[in-house]
Amino acid sequence: MMMEQRAAPVDRDLVLAQLDFCREKVDALLPRFRNSFPAPSSEGLAYPAQEENFDWTTSFYSGMLWLLWEHTGDKKYLDALEPHLASFCRRVEEPGNVDTHDLGFLYSLSCGPAVLLREDGRARDCFLKAADYLLARYIPKAGIIQAWGDLNDPANRGRMIIDCLLNLPLLYQASRLTGRGEYRAAAYSHARQAQKYLVRQDDTTFHTFYMDVDTGEPRFGRTAQGYSDSSCWARGQAWGVYGFALSFHHTRDRSFLDTSCRLLDYFLARLPEDGVCYWDLCFTQGDEPRDSSSAAILCCGILELLRHLPLTHPRRGEYEAALHRIMASLARDYTTRDTPRADGLLLHGVYSKPDGIGVDECMIWGDYYYMEALFRLLYGTCAYWI
């Protein structure tokens, strides 16, 4: 088994200063979002409030609170988390809004830290309920977890998407907590199918892919938020880099580590001069929107990858240099430090360019992953996914 390695040292003072900036921005949001959730993307740089816990993104704010509690030890973040955790428990206890693979995002960043860090019994029960709902979406014949909607919905039957790689840690962790192998088996199967069908021969990725649920045969790949079916959506490629590295951590299947490196190599070759990607990797210059949220996800993926690559890996130095270049660029030119009216941490994110949603705005997941990357740089890892 390979030794896990940390990334090369970074400027600790810079990281601490950026975490202080994050804390100040989040502290300003605490009164507004005590009993509600920031919307996925800002409008005019302000996050509308979602009163109901229905979206796939509601846990990213919770994740930011957990990171700040770990970093500062300040009880006010635990106090702010209480109503949010209660809402996530109701979501699976009642239940409601569980017909989605995004239960991984939702519970790895809400109830998951309460289990890992606080040994919270109710959170553990709800975490495992969420894992059960996610496991119920596994289609054995196709070997995948269906992404969205009712399992009998003809429009979505057999559809998997690249994002789901970040939902799999919920199942891996549930297997470890309970000793039940079916959670891990489903996650491993899905990761292998994603590796086989979502990753193309040229090391780009489909956003979505359809499988025949009756025969298990592959059908076709499509995009939902990329430029075209044959292009490479930046956020999807970033999910791939991070997600396959996480599946390596949980399974020790070396092929996942190799796939993560291949996707990263392609990503780095498509970066513009300042290191922050366009919303689709078919663009490397021009006036198309950048996507700072994809860059933040990518940095977390590189940091996870570097935990596992040996010091002698031929591309390790290049990966470390790219990580520091992207993080320095985000800190220097993409934060809201000089935009006090903005709610988020990062400017210039994109939710869905084809749909005209959240273009050149703050993304709540971009804020979370930027903070996670800083946290990883300071502390070496982030327990929520491993």
Protein backbone atom coordinates (compact mmCIF):
# COMPACT_ATOMS: atom_id res chain seq x y z
CA MET A 1 0.00 0.00 0.00
CA MET A 2 1.34 3.43 -0.94
CA MET A 3 2.14 5.93 1.76
CA GLU A 4 -0.15 8.97 1.86
CA GLN A 5 1.74 12.19 1.23
CA ARG A 6 0.96 15.82 1.94
CA ALA A 7 1.27 18.54 -0.66
CA ALA A 8 4.41 20.65 -0.70
CA PRO A 9 4.46 23.43 1.92
CA VAL A 10 2.55 26.60 1.15
CA ASP A 11 2.58 30.06 2.67
CA ARG A 12 0.89 29.37 6.00
CA ASP A 13 0.27 33.07 6.62
CA LEU A 14 -1.56 33.38 3.28
CA VAL A 15 -3.76 30.37 4.06
CA LEU A 16 -4.56 31.69 7.54
CA ALA A 17 -5.38 35.12 6.13
CA GLN A 18 -7.74 33.58 3.58
CA LEU A 19 -9.45 31.49 6.26
CA ASP A 20 -9.90 34.67 8.31
CA PHE A 21 -11.52 36.27 5.26
CA CYS A 22 -13.82 33.25 4.90
CA ARG A 23 -14.77 33.42 8.56
CA GLU A 24 -15.66 37.10 8.32
CA LYS A 25 -17.87 36.53 5.27
CA VAL A 26 -19.66 33.54 6.80
CA ASP A 27 -20.13 35.34 10.13
CA ALA A 28 -22.01 38.06 8.28
CA LEU A 29 -24.42 35.40 6.94
CA LEU A 30 -25.17 33.71 10.27
CA PRO A 31 -28.19 35.83 11.27
CA ARG A 32 -29.81 35.58 7.82
CA PHE A 33 -29.47 31.84 7.39
CA ARG A 34 -30.27 30.55 10.86
CA ASN A 35 -33.44 28.83 9.67
CA SER A 36 -32.95 28.86 5.92
CA PHE A 37 -30.36 27.92 3.31
CA PRO A 38 -28.43 29.98 0.77
CA ALA A 39 -29.67 29.33 -2.77
CA PRO A 40 -27.26 27.46 -5.08
CA SER A 41 -26.13 30.63 -6.85
CA SER A 42 -26.27 34.30 -5.99
CA GLU A 43 -28.39 36.92 -7.73
CA GLY A 44 -26.52 40.16 -8.05
CA LEU A 45 -23.90 38.55 -5.76
CA ALA A 46 -26.47 38.05 -2.94
CA TYR A 47 -27.73 34.59 -2.00
CA PRO A 48 -31.53 34.35 -1.89
CA ALA A 49 -32.81 32.35 1.08
CA GLN A 50 -34.43 28.94 0.58
CA GLU A 51 -36.83 28.26 3.41
CA GLU A 52 -37.28 24.58 2.55
CA ASN A 53 -34.54 21.95 2.45
CA PHE A 54 -35.18 20.63 -1.06
CA ASP A 55 -32.14 21.43 -3.21
CA TRP A 56 -28.94 19.43 -3.79
CA THR A 57 -26.82 22.30 -2.48
CA THR A 58 -28.25 22.97 0.99
CA SER A 59 -25.44 21.15 2.80
CA PHE A 60 -22.58 23.26 1.46
CA TYR A 61 -23.34 26.05 3.92
CA SER A 62 -23.42 23.41 6.69
CA GLY A 63 -20.05 22.14 5.51
CA MET A 64 -18.62 25.64 5.77
CA LEU A 65 -19.88 25.92 9.34
CA TRP A 66 -18.30 22.58 10.24
CA LEU A 67 -14.95 23.65 8.76
CA LEU A 68 -15.06 26.91 10.72
CA TRP A 69 -15.91 25.06 13.93
CA GLU A 70 -12.98 22.69 13.41
CA HIS A 71 -10.68 25.60 12.59
CA THR A 72 -11.69 27.96 15.39
CA GLY A 73 -13.40 25.84 18.05
CA ASP A 74 -16.00 28.61 18.33
CA LYS A 75 -19.30 27.24 19.65
CA LYS A 76 -21.33 29.75 17.65
CA TYR A 77 -20.85 27.55 14.58
CA LEU A 78 -22.29 24.54 16.40
CA ASP A 79 -25.21 26.71 17.50
CA ALA A 80 -25.76 27.80 13.91
CA LEU A 81 -25.68 24.17 12.77
CA GLU A 82 -28.42 22.98 15.14
CA PRO A 83 -31.47 24.02 13.08
CA HIS A 84 -29.79 22.88 9.89
CA LEU A 85 -29.06 19.41 11.26
CA ALA A 86 -32.65 19.15 12.46
CA SER A 87 -33.82 20.00 8.94
CA PHE A 88 -31.59 17.33 7.38
CA CYS A 89 -32.90 14.78 9.84
CA ARG A 90 -36.49 15.66 8.97
CA ARG A 91 -35.65 15.30 5.28
CA VAL A 92 -34.99 11.57 5.70
CA GLU A 93 -37.23 10.86 8.68
CA GLU A 94 -40.46 12.16 7.16
CA PRO A 95 -39.11 11.72 4.34
CA GLY A 96 -39.08 14.26 1.56
CA ASN A 97 -36.92 15.24 -1.38
CA VAL A 98 -34.90 12.01 -1.36
CA ASP A 99 -35.36 10.94 -5.01
CA THR A 100 -31.83 11.96 -5.90
CA HIS A 101 -28.29 10.62 -5.86
CA ASP A 102 -27.21 13.90 -4.25
CA LEU A 103 -27.93 12.43 -0.84
CA GLY A 104 -24.17 12.01 -0.67
CA PHE A 105 -23.46 15.73 -0.99
CA LEU A 106 -26.33 16.45 1.38
CA TYR A 107 -25.40 14.12 4.23
CA SER A 108 -21.61 13.95 3.93
CA LEU A 109 -21.52 17.66 4.78
CA SER A 110 -24.35 17.86 7.32
CA CYS A 111 -24.91 14.76 9.44
CA GLY A 112 -21.60 13.16 8.44
CA PRO A 113 -19.37 15.57 10.40
CA ALA A 114 -21.73 15.31 13.37
CA VAL A 115 -21.08 11.55 13.36
CA LEU A 116 -17.34 11.75 12.70
CA LEU A 117 -16.55 14.65 15.00
CA ARG A 118 -19.28 14.59 17.66
CA GLU A 119 -20.58 10.99 17.77
CA ASP A 120 -24.13 12.35 17.46
CA GLY A 121 -26.56 9.42 17.66
CA ARG A 122 -29.50 11.01 15.82
CA ALA A 123 -27.16 12.30 13.10
CA ARG A 124 -25.78 8.76 12.73
CA ASP A 125 -29.27 7.34 12.27
CA CYS A 126 -30.11 9.98 9.67
CA PHE A 127 -26.76 9.54 7.91
CA LEU A 128 -27.50 5.82 7.55
CA LYS A 129 -31.09 6.46 6.45
CA ALA A 130 -29.70 8.68 3.69
CA ALA A 131 -27.29 5.89 2.72
CA ASP A 132 -30.24 3.48 2.53
CA TYR A 133 -32.12 5.84 0.20
CA LEU A 134 -29.02 6.18 -1.95
CA LEU A 135 -28.48 2.42 -2.00
CA ALA A 136 -32.10 2.00 -3.16
CA ARG A 137 -31.15 3.93 -6.30
CA TYR A 138 -28.60 1.29 -7.27
CA ILE A 139 -29.62 -0.69 -10.37
CA PRO A 140 -27.78 -4.03 -10.25
CA LYS A 141 -28.23 -4.94 -13.91
CA ALA A 142 -26.63 -1.68 -15.04
CA GLY A 143 -24.24 -1.51 -12.08
CA ILE A 144 -24.98 2.17 -11.48
CA ILE A 145 -26.76 4.56 -9.14
CA GLN A 146 -29.46 6.41 -11.04
CA ALA A 147 -29.05 10.16 -10.80
CA TRP A 148 -32.42 11.82 -10.57
CA GLY A 149 -36.12 11.24 -10.21
CA ASP A 150 -38.35 8.23 -9.78
CA LEU A 151 -36.58 5.02 -10.74
CA ASN A 152 -39.37 4.27 -13.23
CA ASP A 153 -39.27 7.68 -14.90
CA PRO A 154 -38.53 6.88 -18.56
CA ALA A 155 -36.69 10.19 -19.06
CA ASN A 156 -34.15 9.38 -16.35
CA ARG A 157 -34.04 5.58 -16.20
CA GLY A 158 -30.48 4.33 -16.21
CA ARG A 159 -28.95 7.80 -16.18
CA MET A 160 -25.72 8.32 -14.27
CA ILE A 161 -23.77 11.55 -14.02
CA ILE A 162 -20.18 12.42 -13.24
CA ASP A 163 -21.18 14.40 -10.12
CA CYS A 164 -22.21 11.15 -8.38
CA LEU A 165 -18.59 10.27 -7.68
CA LEU A 166 -18.80 12.74 -4.77
CA ASN A 167 -21.93 11.00 -3.48
CA LEU A 168 -20.18 7.63 -3.13
CA PRO A 169 -18.30 8.43 0.13
CA LEU A 170 -21.70 8.30 1.90
CA LEU A 171 -21.93 4.62 0.94
CA TYR A 172 -18.29 3.81 1.65
CA GLN A 173 -18.61 5.37 5.11
CA ALA A 174 -21.95 3.67 5.80
CA SER A 175 -20.29 0.35 5.05
CA ARG A 176 -17.52 1.13 7.51
CA LEU A 177 -19.99 2.27 10.20
CA THR A 178 -22.27 -0.77 9.89
CA GLY A 179 -20.06 -3.55 8.54
CA ARG A 180 -22.58 -4.06 5.71
CA GLY A 181 -20.76 -4.79 2.47
CA GLU A 182 -23.65 -3.94 0.13
CA TYR A 183 -23.05 -0.22 0.56
CA ARG A 184 -19.42 -0.50 -0.51
CA ALA A 185 -20.22 -2.94 -3.31
CA ALA A 186 -22.74 -0.56 -4.89
CA ALA A 187 -20.36 2.41 -4.63
CA TYR A 188 -17.48 0.42 -6.11
CA SER A 189 -19.63 -0.87 -8.97
CA HIS A 190 -20.85 2.62 -9.82
CA ALA A 191 -17.30 4.02 -9.76
CA ARG A 192 -16.13 1.28 -12.14
CA GLN A 193 -19.04 1.92 -14.52
CA ALA A 194 -18.36 5.66 -14.40
CA GLN A 195 -14.73 4.94 -15.19
CA LYS A 196 -15.76 2.78 -18.13
CA TYR A 197 -18.49 4.93 -19.67
CA LEU A 198 -18.25 8.51 -18.41
CA VAL A 199 -14.50 8.75 -19.12
CA ARG A 200 -13.76 8.95 -22.85
CA GLN A 201 -10.68 7.68 -24.65
CA ASP A 202 -9.19 11.17 -24.89
CA ASP A 203 -9.40 11.61 -21.08
CA THR A 204 -12.39 13.95 -21.25
CA THR A 205 -15.68 13.14 -19.55
CA PHE A 206 -19.35 13.02 -20.36
CA HIS A 207 -21.58 14.89 -17.95
CA THR A 208 -24.24 12.17 -18.13
CA PHE A 209 -24.48 8.67 -19.57
CA TYR A 210 -27.47 6.38 -20.09
CA MET A 211 -27.42 2.64 -19.43
CA ASP A 212 -30.06 0.08 -20.42
CA VAL A 213 -31.49 -0.99 -17.07
CA ASP A 214 -32.89 -4.23 -18.50
CA THR A 215 -29.79 -5.51 -20.31
CA GLY A 216 -27.01 -3.57 -18.59
CA GLU A 217 -25.70 -2.41 -21.96
CA PRO A 218 -24.36 1.14 -22.50
CA ARG A 219 -26.55 3.48 -24.53
CA PHE A 220 -25.18 7.01 -25.05
CA GLY A 221 -23.60 10.01 -23.36
CA ARG A 222 -25.02 13.52 -23.18
CA THR A 223 -24.41 16.80 -21.44
CA ALA A 224 -26.83 18.82 -19.35
CA GLN A 225 -24.65 21.80 -18.46
CA GLY A 226 -21.66 21.58 -20.78
CA TYR A 227 -21.21 23.29 -24.14
CA SER A 228 -22.05 20.19 -26.18
CA ASP A 229 -22.38 16.43 -25.86
CA SER A 230 -18.81 16.04 -27.12
CA SER A 231 -17.19 18.87 -25.13
CA CYS A 232 -15.73 18.63 -21.63
CA TRP A 233 -17.74 20.46 -18.96
CA ALA A 234 -15.23 21.88 -16.49
CA ARG A 235 -17.13 21.13 -13.30
CA GLY A 236 -17.75 17.55 -14.40
CA GLN A 237 -14.05 17.01 -15.13
CA ALA A 238 -13.22 18.45 -11.69
CA TRP A 239 -15.74 16.07 -10.05
CA GLY A 240 -13.94 13.28 -11.87
CA VAL A 241 -10.47 14.25 -10.64
CA TYR A 242 -11.68 14.49 -7.04
CA GLY A 243 -14.17 11.63 -7.11
CA PHE A 244 -11.87 8.98 -8.55
CA ALA A 245 -9.16 9.95 -6.05
CA LEU A 246 -11.70 9.45 -3.26
CA SER A 247 -12.75 6.07 -4.63
CA PHE A 248 -9.08 5.08 -4.62
CA HIS A 249 -8.87 6.06 -0.96
CA HIS A 250 -11.88 3.89 -0.08
CA THR A 251 -11.09 0.86 -2.29
CA ARG A 252 -7.33 0.96 -2.98
CA ASP A 253 -8.13 0.11 -6.61
CA ARG A 254 -5.09 1.65 -8.32
CA SER A 255 -7.00 2.16 -11.57
CA PHE A 256 -9.01 4.95 -9.91
CA LEU A 257 -5.81 6.80 -9.04
CA ASP A 258 -4.59 6.45 -12.62
CA THR A 259 -7.92 7.73 -13.96
CA SER A 260 -7.80 10.74 -11.64
CA CYS A 261 -4.33 11.59 -12.94
CA ARG A 262 -5.44 11.26 -16.57
CA LEU A 263 -8.39 13.61 -16.04
CA LEU A 264 -6.16 16.07 -14.19
CA ASP A 265 -3.55 16.03 -16.98
CA TYR A 266 -6.23 16.94 -19.51
CA PHE A 267 -7.64 19.66 -17.25
CA LEU A 268 -4.27 21.30 -16.66
CA ALA A 269 -3.53 21.33 -20.39
CA ARG A 270 -6.69 23.40 -20.98
CA LEU A 271 -6.12 26.15 -18.42
CA PRO A 272 -5.80 29.81 -19.42
CA GLU A 273 -2.86 31.89 -18.29
CA ASP A 274 -4.14 32.68 -14.79
CA GLY A 275 -4.97 29.03 -14.03
CA VAL A 276 -8.74 29.49 -13.51
CA CYS A 277 -10.73 27.49 -16.03
CA TYR A 278 -13.52 28.50 -18.35
CA TRP A 279 -16.94 26.94 -17.71
CA ASP A 280 -16.24 24.32 -20.40
CA LEU A 281 -12.74 23.09 -21.22
CA CYS A 282 -13.36 23.49 -24.94
CA PHE A 283 -12.54 27.16 -24.24
CA THR A 284 -9.02 28.26 -23.35
CA GLN A 285 -9.23 31.95 -24.27
CA GLY A 286 -11.74 34.63 -25.18
CA ASP A 287 -14.76 36.15 -23.47
CA GLU A 288 -16.60 33.03 -22.27
CA PRO A 289 -17.29 32.98 -18.50
CA ARG A 290 -14.73 31.50 -16.14
CA ASP A 291 -15.88 29.11 -13.43
CA SER A 292 -14.12 29.68 -10.14
CA SER A 293 -16.24 26.94 -8.52
CA SER A 294 -14.76 24.30 -10.83
CA ALA A 295 -11.28 25.59 -10.01
CA ALA A 296 -11.96 25.23 -6.28
CA ILE A 297 -13.25 21.65 -6.71
CA LEU A 298 -10.19 20.85 -8.81
CA CYS A 299 -7.86 22.10 -6.06
CA CYS A 300 -9.53 19.78 -3.54
CA GLY A 301 -9.13 16.95 -6.02
CA ILE A 302 -5.44 17.66 -6.49
CA LEU A 303 -4.94 17.79 -2.73
CA GLU A 304 -6.64 14.41 -2.30
CA LEU A 305 -4.60 12.98 -5.16
CA LEU A 306 -1.36 14.23 -3.65
CA ARG A 307 -2.16 12.37 -0.41
CA HIS A 308 -1.79 9.12 -2.33
CA LEU A 309 0.83 9.70 -5.02
CA PRO A 310 4.38 8.65 -4.09
CA LEU A 311 7.01 11.37 -3.85
CA THR A 312 8.68 9.79 -6.89
CA HIS A 313 5.62 10.15 -9.15
CA PRO A 314 6.86 11.87 -12.35
CA ARG A 315 4.05 14.47 -12.40
CA ARG A 316 3.89 15.20 -8.68
CA GLY A 317 5.89 18.43 -8.90
CA GLU A 318 3.74 19.66 -11.77
CA TYR A 319 0.55 18.91 -9.82
CA GLU A 320 1.82 20.77 -6.75
CA ALA A 321 2.82 23.77 -8.87
CA ALA A 322 -0.58 23.83 -10.56
CA LEU A 323 -2.38 23.64 -7.21
CA HIS A 324 -0.47 26.58 -5.80
CA ARG A 325 -0.88 28.59 -9.00
CA ILE A 326 -4.66 28.11 -9.05
CA MET A 327 -5.10 28.79 -5.33
CA ALA A 328 -2.94 31.94 -5.55
CA SER A 329 -4.98 33.15 -8.52
CA LEU A 330 -8.29 32.52 -6.73
CA ALA A 331 -7.06 34.32 -3.61
CA ARG A 332 -5.68 37.26 -5.56
CA ASP A 333 -8.25 37.88 -8.29
CA TYR A 334 -11.45 35.91 -7.62
CA THR A 335 -12.40 36.43 -3.98
CA THR A 336 -14.97 38.96 -2.82
CA ARG A 337 -12.47 40.61 -0.47
CA ASP A 338 -12.96 43.97 -2.22
CA THR A 339 -16.68 43.43 -2.89
CA PRO A 340 -18.31 43.83 0.52
CA ARG A 341 -21.86 43.61 -0.87
CA ALA A 342 -21.23 40.04 -2.08
CA ASP A 343 -22.45 37.17 0.09
CA GLY A 344 -20.14 34.54 -1.34
CA LEU A 345 -16.42 33.93 -1.12
CA LEU A 346 -15.63 33.54 -4.82
CA LEU A 347 -16.67 35.70 -7.75
CA HIS A 348 -17.03 34.53 -11.36
CA GLY A 349 -18.72 31.17 -10.90
CA VAL A 350 -21.13 29.44 -13.26
CA TYR A 351 -24.07 27.21 -12.40
CA SER A 352 -25.50 26.39 -15.84
CA LYS A 353 -24.42 28.43 -18.84
CA PRO A 354 -26.79 26.68 -21.31
CA ASP A 355 -29.74 27.48 -19.04
CA GLY A 356 -28.58 31.00 -18.26
CA ILE A 357 -28.61 30.23 -14.52
CA GLY A 358 -26.02 31.63 -12.15
CA VAL A 359 -23.61 32.97 -14.76
CA ASP A 360 -20.81 35.14 -13.34
CA GLU A 361 -22.17 34.83 -9.81
CA CYS A 362 -21.13 33.28 -6.49
CA MET A 363 -21.76 29.53 -6.17
CA ILE A 364 -22.35 28.10 -2.70
CA TRP A 365 -20.40 24.93 -3.58
CA GLY A 366 -17.55 27.06 -4.94
CA ASP A 367 -17.42 28.83 -1.58
CA TYR A 368 -17.40 25.51 0.28
CA TYR A 369 -14.67 23.91 -1.84
CA TYR A 370 -12.49 27.01 -1.69
CA MET A 371 -12.69 26.84 2.10
CA GLU A 372 -12.07 23.08 2.05
CA ALA A 373 -8.97 23.56 -0.11
CA LEU A 374 -7.62 26.11 2.39
CA PHE A 375 -8.45 23.75 5.25
CA ARG A 376 -6.65 20.88 3.50
CA LEU A 377 -3.62 23.05 2.85
CA LEU A 378 -3.43 23.90 6.54
CA TYR A 379 -4.37 20.56 8.13
CA GLY A 380 -3.54 18.00 5.45
CA THR A 381 -6.95 16.42 4.86
CA CYS A 382 -10.70 16.76 5.31
CA ALA A 383 -12.48 13.95 7.16
CA TYR A 384 -15.91 14.54 5.66
CA TRP A 385 -15.18 12.51 2.52
CA ILE A 386 -12.89 9.81 3.90
